[in-house]
């Protein structure tokens, strides 16, 4: 009976389904981390990981013309801004009306 108990204590950590203490839990976690490191080394990855194949269409894609969208391109920003300001001119009457209304109701404008 007593030798059976001793034999079970000589097993490696983690061979049981039950952990009796925090120290035993930390030992199991350390053993699992070490085992994981061994499994993830470069040799294992070279032997077991998939190697992606090179793209077969790459030469064709580089020879194909590509579309470059230029919908929103403004070649001369400063000239465009000057033109916009010219179009947004208020007359003196409009400015006076705006100022009067704004001063009357500043938060509701």
N, C-alpha and C. Protein backbone atom coordinates (compact mmCIF):
# COMPACT_ATOMS: atom_id res chain seq x y z
N UNK A 1 0.79 -1.18 0.00
CA UNK A 1 0.00 0.00 0.00
C UNK A 1 0.83 1.24 0.00
N UNK A 2 1.89 1.31 0.90
CA UNK A 2 2.67 2.53 1.02
C UNK A 2 3.56 2.72 -0.20
N UNK A 3 4.05 1.62 -0.76
CA UNK A 3 4.93 1.76 -1.93
C UNK A 3 4.15 2.25 -3.15
N UNK A 4 2.85 1.93 -3.20
CA UNK A 4 2.02 2.42 -4.30
C UNK A 4 1.89 3.93 -4.26
N UNK A 5 1.80 4.49 -3.06
CA UNK A 5 1.71 5.94 -2.91
C UNK A 5 3.00 6.62 -3.33
N UNK A 6 4.13 5.98 -2.96
CA UNK A 6 5.43 6.55 -3.33
C UNK A 6 5.64 6.49 -4.84
N UNK A 7 5.22 5.42 -5.45
CA UNK A 7 5.40 5.27 -6.90
C UNK A 7 4.63 6.35 -7.64
N UNK A 8 3.44 6.70 -7.14
CA UNK A 8 2.64 7.71 -7.83
C UNK A 8 3.27 9.09 -7.68
N UNK A 9 4.02 9.30 -6.59
CA UNK A 9 4.68 10.61 -6.41
C UNK A 9 5.87 10.78 -7.32
N UNK A 10 6.45 9.68 -7.78
CA UNK A 10 7.62 9.76 -8.65
C UNK A 10 7.26 10.06 -10.10
N UNK A 11 5.99 10.05 -10.44
CA UNK A 11 5.58 10.37 -11.80
C UNK A 11 5.90 11.82 -12.12
N UNK A 12 5.96 12.15 -13.39
CA UNK A 12 6.24 13.54 -13.76
C UNK A 12 5.04 14.41 -13.41
N UNK A 13 5.33 15.67 -13.22
CA UNK A 13 4.27 16.61 -12.89
C UNK A 13 3.33 16.70 -14.08
N UNK A 14 2.05 16.71 -13.83
CA UNK A 14 1.08 16.83 -14.89
C UNK A 14 0.54 15.49 -15.36
N UNK A 15 1.03 14.39 -14.76
CA UNK A 15 0.52 13.09 -15.18
C UNK A 15 -0.79 12.78 -14.49
N UNK A 16 -1.18 13.61 -13.53
CA UNK A 16 -2.45 13.43 -12.83
C UNK A 16 -3.47 14.39 -13.42
N UNK A 17 -4.72 14.10 -13.20
CA UNK A 17 -5.78 15.00 -13.64
C UNK A 17 -6.10 16.05 -12.59
N UNK A 18 -5.58 15.88 -11.37
CA UNK A 18 -5.90 16.77 -10.27
C UNK A 18 -4.62 17.42 -9.77
N UNK A 19 -4.69 18.71 -9.50
CA UNK A 19 -3.56 19.44 -8.93
C UNK A 19 -3.95 19.78 -7.50
N UNK A 20 -3.07 19.48 -6.56
CA UNK A 20 -3.42 19.61 -5.14
C UNK A 20 -3.02 20.96 -4.53
N UNK A 21 -2.07 21.66 -5.15
CA UNK A 21 -1.63 22.92 -4.55
C UNK A 21 -1.26 23.91 -5.65
N UNK A 22 -1.08 25.13 -5.24
CA UNK A 22 -0.70 26.17 -6.20
C UNK A 22 0.71 25.91 -6.74
N UNK A 23 1.56 25.38 -5.89
CA UNK A 23 2.93 25.05 -6.31
C UNK A 23 2.90 23.98 -7.40
N UNK A 24 2.06 22.98 -7.22
CA UNK A 24 1.92 21.92 -8.22
C UNK A 24 1.35 22.50 -9.52
N UNK A 25 0.42 23.42 -9.41
CA UNK A 25 -0.19 24.06 -10.58
C UNK A 25 0.87 24.84 -11.36
N UNK A 26 1.71 25.59 -10.63
CA UNK A 26 2.78 26.34 -11.29
C UNK A 26 3.77 25.41 -11.97
N UNK A 27 4.06 24.27 -11.35
CA UNK A 27 4.97 23.30 -11.95
C UNK A 27 4.37 22.72 -13.23
N UNK A 28 3.08 22.43 -13.20
CA UNK A 28 2.41 21.91 -14.40
C UNK A 28 2.45 22.95 -15.51
N UNK A 29 2.17 24.20 -15.17
CA UNK A 29 2.20 25.27 -16.17
C UNK A 29 3.59 25.45 -16.76
N UNK A 30 4.61 25.37 -15.90
CA UNK A 30 6.00 25.50 -16.38
C UNK A 30 6.35 24.35 -17.31
N UNK A 31 5.92 23.14 -16.94
CA UNK A 31 6.21 21.97 -17.77
C UNK A 31 5.50 22.09 -19.12
N UNK A 32 4.27 22.56 -19.12
CA UNK A 32 3.53 22.74 -20.37
C UNK A 32 4.17 23.82 -21.24
N UNK A 33 4.63 24.90 -20.63
CA UNK A 33 5.28 25.97 -21.39
C UNK A 33 6.57 25.46 -22.02
N UNK A 34 7.33 24.66 -21.29
CA UNK A 34 8.58 24.09 -21.82
C UNK A 34 8.29 23.15 -22.98
N UNK A 35 7.26 22.35 -22.82
CA UNK A 35 6.86 21.42 -23.87
C UNK A 35 6.42 22.17 -25.12
N UNK A 36 5.70 23.28 -24.93
CA UNK A 36 5.24 24.09 -26.05
C UNK A 36 6.42 24.73 -26.78
N UNK A 37 7.44 25.17 -26.02
CA UNK A 37 8.64 25.75 -26.65
C UNK A 37 9.32 24.73 -27.53
N UNK A 38 9.43 23.51 -27.06
CA UNK A 38 10.08 22.46 -27.84
C UNK A 38 9.31 22.19 -29.13
N UNK A 39 7.98 22.22 -29.05
CA UNK A 39 7.17 21.93 -30.22
C UNK A 39 7.21 23.05 -31.24
N UNK A 40 7.45 24.27 -30.81
CA UNK A 40 7.38 25.42 -31.72
C UNK A 40 8.74 25.84 -32.26
N UNK A 41 9.76 25.03 -32.13
CA UNK A 41 11.06 25.47 -32.63
C UNK A 41 11.07 25.48 -34.16
N UNK A 42 12.11 26.01 -34.74
CA UNK A 42 12.18 26.21 -36.18
C UNK A 42 12.15 24.90 -36.95
N UNK A 43 12.82 23.87 -36.44
CA UNK A 43 12.83 22.59 -37.15
C UNK A 43 11.42 22.03 -37.26
N UNK A 44 10.66 22.14 -36.18
CA UNK A 44 9.30 21.63 -36.19
C UNK A 44 8.47 22.38 -37.23
N UNK A 45 8.66 23.69 -37.27
CA UNK A 45 7.88 24.51 -38.20
C UNK A 45 8.27 24.18 -39.64
N UNK A 46 9.58 24.02 -39.90
CA UNK A 46 10.00 23.68 -41.26
C UNK A 46 9.42 22.34 -41.70
N UNK A 47 9.32 21.41 -40.77
CA UNK A 47 8.82 20.08 -41.10
C UNK A 47 7.30 20.05 -41.23
N UNK A 48 6.59 20.86 -40.46
CA UNK A 48 5.14 20.72 -40.37
C UNK A 48 4.34 21.90 -40.91
N UNK A 49 4.95 23.05 -41.12
CA UNK A 49 4.20 24.22 -41.57
C UNK A 49 4.08 24.23 -43.09
N UNK A 50 2.99 24.76 -43.56
CA UNK A 50 2.78 24.86 -45.01
C UNK A 50 3.59 26.01 -45.57
N UNK A 51 4.15 25.82 -46.75
CA UNK A 51 4.92 26.87 -47.42
C UNK A 51 4.04 27.43 -48.52
N UNK A 52 3.77 28.72 -48.49
CA UNK A 52 2.91 29.30 -49.54
C UNK A 52 3.61 29.26 -50.89
N UNK A 53 2.85 28.96 -51.92
CA UNK A 53 3.41 28.92 -53.27
C UNK A 53 3.49 30.34 -53.83
N UNK A 54 4.45 30.62 -54.68
CA UNK A 54 4.53 31.95 -55.27
C UNK A 54 3.33 32.21 -56.18
N UNK A 55 2.98 33.46 -56.31
CA UNK A 55 1.83 33.82 -57.14
C UNK A 55 2.15 33.53 -58.61
N UNK A 56 1.27 32.82 -59.27
CA UNK A 56 1.48 32.48 -60.67
C UNK A 56 1.15 33.65 -61.58
N UNK A 57 0.29 34.55 -61.14
CA UNK A 57 -0.14 35.65 -61.98
C UNK A 57 0.75 36.89 -61.85
N UNK A 58 1.75 36.86 -61.00
CA UNK A 58 2.57 38.05 -60.74
C UNK A 58 3.15 38.66 -62.01
N UNK A 59 3.76 37.90 -62.93
CA UNK A 59 4.28 38.55 -64.15
C UNK A 59 3.17 39.21 -64.97
N UNK A 60 2.00 38.59 -65.03
CA UNK A 60 0.90 39.16 -65.79
C UNK A 60 0.37 40.43 -65.15
N UNK A 61 0.32 40.47 -63.81
CA UNK A 61 -0.19 41.65 -63.12
C UNK A 61 0.71 42.86 -63.31
N UNK A 62 2.03 42.64 -63.33
CA UNK A 62 2.93 43.78 -63.48
C UNK A 62 2.87 44.34 -64.90
N UNK A 63 2.49 43.53 -65.89
CA UNK A 63 2.40 44.00 -67.27
C UNK A 63 1.04 44.63 -67.57
N UNK A 64 0.04 44.39 -66.74
CA UNK A 64 -1.30 44.91 -66.97
C UNK A 64 -1.37 46.37 -66.56
N UNK A 65 -1.93 47.23 -67.40
CA UNK A 65 -2.05 48.65 -67.00
C UNK A 65 -3.02 48.79 -65.82
N UNK A 66 -2.69 49.69 -64.93
CA UNK A 66 -3.53 49.89 -63.75
C UNK A 66 -4.27 51.22 -63.85
N UNK A 67 -5.45 51.27 -63.26
CA UNK A 67 -6.26 52.48 -63.26
C UNK A 67 -5.89 53.33 -62.06
N UNK A 68 -5.58 54.59 -62.29
CA UNK A 68 -5.26 55.52 -61.21
C UNK A 68 -6.39 56.54 -61.14
N UNK A 69 -7.23 56.46 -60.12
CA UNK A 69 -8.36 57.39 -60.03
C UNK A 69 -7.88 58.81 -59.74
N UNK A 70 -8.40 59.76 -60.50
CA UNK A 70 -8.02 61.15 -60.32
C UNK A 70 -9.26 62.04 -60.18
N UNK A 71 -10.36 61.49 -59.64
CA UNK A 71 -11.61 62.24 -59.53
C UNK A 71 -11.47 63.47 -58.64
N UNK A 72 -10.86 63.33 -57.48
CA UNK A 72 -10.82 64.43 -56.54
C UNK A 72 -9.52 65.20 -56.54
N UNK A 73 -8.67 65.02 -57.55
CA UNK A 73 -7.37 65.67 -57.58
C UNK A 73 -7.53 67.12 -57.98
N UNK A 74 -6.95 68.01 -57.20
CA UNK A 74 -6.96 69.45 -57.51
C UNK A 74 -5.51 69.82 -57.82
N UNK A 75 -5.20 70.09 -59.09
CA UNK A 75 -3.80 70.34 -59.46
C UNK A 75 -3.21 71.58 -58.79
N UNK A 76 -3.96 72.68 -58.72
CA UNK A 76 -3.45 73.90 -58.08
C UNK A 76 -4.45 74.31 -57.00
N UNK A 77 -4.14 73.98 -55.78
CA UNK A 77 -5.06 74.20 -54.67
C UNK A 77 -5.26 75.70 -54.41
N UNK A 78 -4.19 76.47 -54.45
CA UNK A 78 -4.29 77.90 -54.16
C UNK A 78 -5.16 78.62 -55.20
N UNK A 79 -4.98 78.27 -56.47
CA UNK A 79 -5.79 78.89 -57.52
C UNK A 79 -7.26 78.49 -57.34
N UNK A 80 -7.52 77.25 -56.97
CA UNK A 80 -8.88 76.79 -56.74
C UNK A 80 -9.52 77.54 -55.57
N UNK A 81 -8.76 77.78 -54.51
CA UNK A 81 -9.28 78.53 -53.34
C UNK A 81 -9.59 79.98 -53.71
N UNK A 82 -8.71 80.60 -54.49
CA UNK A 82 -8.97 81.99 -54.93
C UNK A 82 -10.24 82.05 -55.77
N UNK A 83 -10.44 81.08 -56.64
CA UNK A 83 -11.63 81.03 -57.48
C UNK A 83 -12.88 80.85 -56.63
N UNK A 84 -12.79 79.99 -55.60
CA UNK A 84 -13.93 79.76 -54.72
C UNK A 84 -14.30 81.03 -53.97
N UNK A 85 -13.29 81.75 -53.49
CA UNK A 85 -13.56 83.00 -52.76
C UNK A 85 -14.21 84.05 -53.66
N UNK A 86 -13.84 84.06 -54.92
CA UNK A 86 -14.46 85.00 -55.86
C UNK A 86 -15.94 84.70 -56.04
N UNK A 87 -16.31 83.44 -56.03
CA UNK A 87 -17.70 83.04 -56.22
C UNK A 87 -18.54 83.28 -54.97
N UNK A 88 -17.92 83.38 -53.79
CA UNK A 88 -18.64 83.48 -52.53
C UNK A 88 -18.74 84.92 -52.03
N UNK A 89 -18.78 85.86 -52.91
CA UNK A 89 -18.81 87.27 -52.50
C UNK A 89 -20.23 87.65 -52.07
N UNK A 90 -20.32 88.33 -50.92
CA UNK A 90 -21.61 88.84 -50.44
C UNK A 90 -21.68 90.33 -50.75
N UNK A 91 -22.84 90.76 -51.05
CA UNK A 91 -23.01 92.21 -51.26
C UNK A 91 -23.06 92.86 -49.87
N UNK A 92 -22.93 94.18 -49.85
CA UNK A 92 -22.96 94.90 -48.57
C UNK A 92 -24.31 94.74 -47.89
N UNK A 93 -25.36 94.69 -48.69
CA UNK A 93 -26.71 94.50 -48.15
C UNK A 93 -26.83 93.13 -47.47
N UNK A 94 -26.29 92.09 -48.11
CA UNK A 94 -26.35 90.75 -47.54
C UNK A 94 -25.55 90.66 -46.23
N UNK A 95 -24.38 91.28 -46.23
CA UNK A 95 -23.56 91.27 -45.01
C UNK A 95 -24.27 91.99 -43.87
N UNK A 96 -24.89 93.14 -44.16
CA UNK A 96 -25.61 93.90 -43.13
C UNK A 96 -26.79 93.08 -42.60
N UNK A 97 -27.53 92.42 -43.49
CA UNK A 97 -28.67 91.60 -43.08
C UNK A 97 -28.19 90.44 -42.19
N UNK A 98 -27.12 89.78 -42.59
CA UNK A 98 -26.58 88.68 -41.81
C UNK A 98 -26.15 89.16 -40.42
N UNK A 99 -25.42 90.25 -40.37
CA UNK A 99 -24.94 90.79 -39.09
C UNK A 99 -26.10 91.15 -38.17
N UNK A 100 -27.11 91.78 -38.72
CA UNK A 100 -28.28 92.17 -37.91
C UNK A 100 -28.99 90.94 -37.36
N UNK A 101 -29.23 89.95 -38.19
CA UNK A 101 -29.92 88.73 -37.74
C UNK A 101 -29.05 87.96 -36.73
N UNK A 102 -27.74 87.93 -36.98
CA UNK A 102 -26.87 87.19 -36.07
C UNK A 102 -26.83 87.86 -34.70
N UNK A 103 -26.77 89.16 -34.67
CA UNK A 103 -26.73 89.86 -33.40
C UNK A 103 -28.06 89.74 -32.65
N UNK A 104 -29.17 89.62 -33.40
CA UNK A 104 -30.47 89.45 -32.77
C UNK A 104 -30.63 88.06 -32.17
N UNK A 105 -30.25 87.04 -32.93
CA UNK A 105 -30.39 85.64 -32.48
C UNK A 105 -29.06 84.90 -32.66
N UNK A 106 -28.04 85.16 -31.85
CA UNK A 106 -26.71 84.56 -32.09
C UNK A 106 -26.68 83.03 -31.92
N UNK A 107 -27.43 82.49 -30.99
CA UNK A 107 -27.35 81.05 -30.74
C UNK A 107 -28.26 80.25 -31.64
N UNK A 108 -29.26 80.85 -32.24
CA UNK A 108 -30.21 80.13 -33.08
C UNK A 108 -29.88 80.28 -34.57
N UNK A 109 -28.75 80.85 -34.88
CA UNK A 109 -28.45 81.11 -36.27
C UNK A 109 -27.65 79.99 -36.87
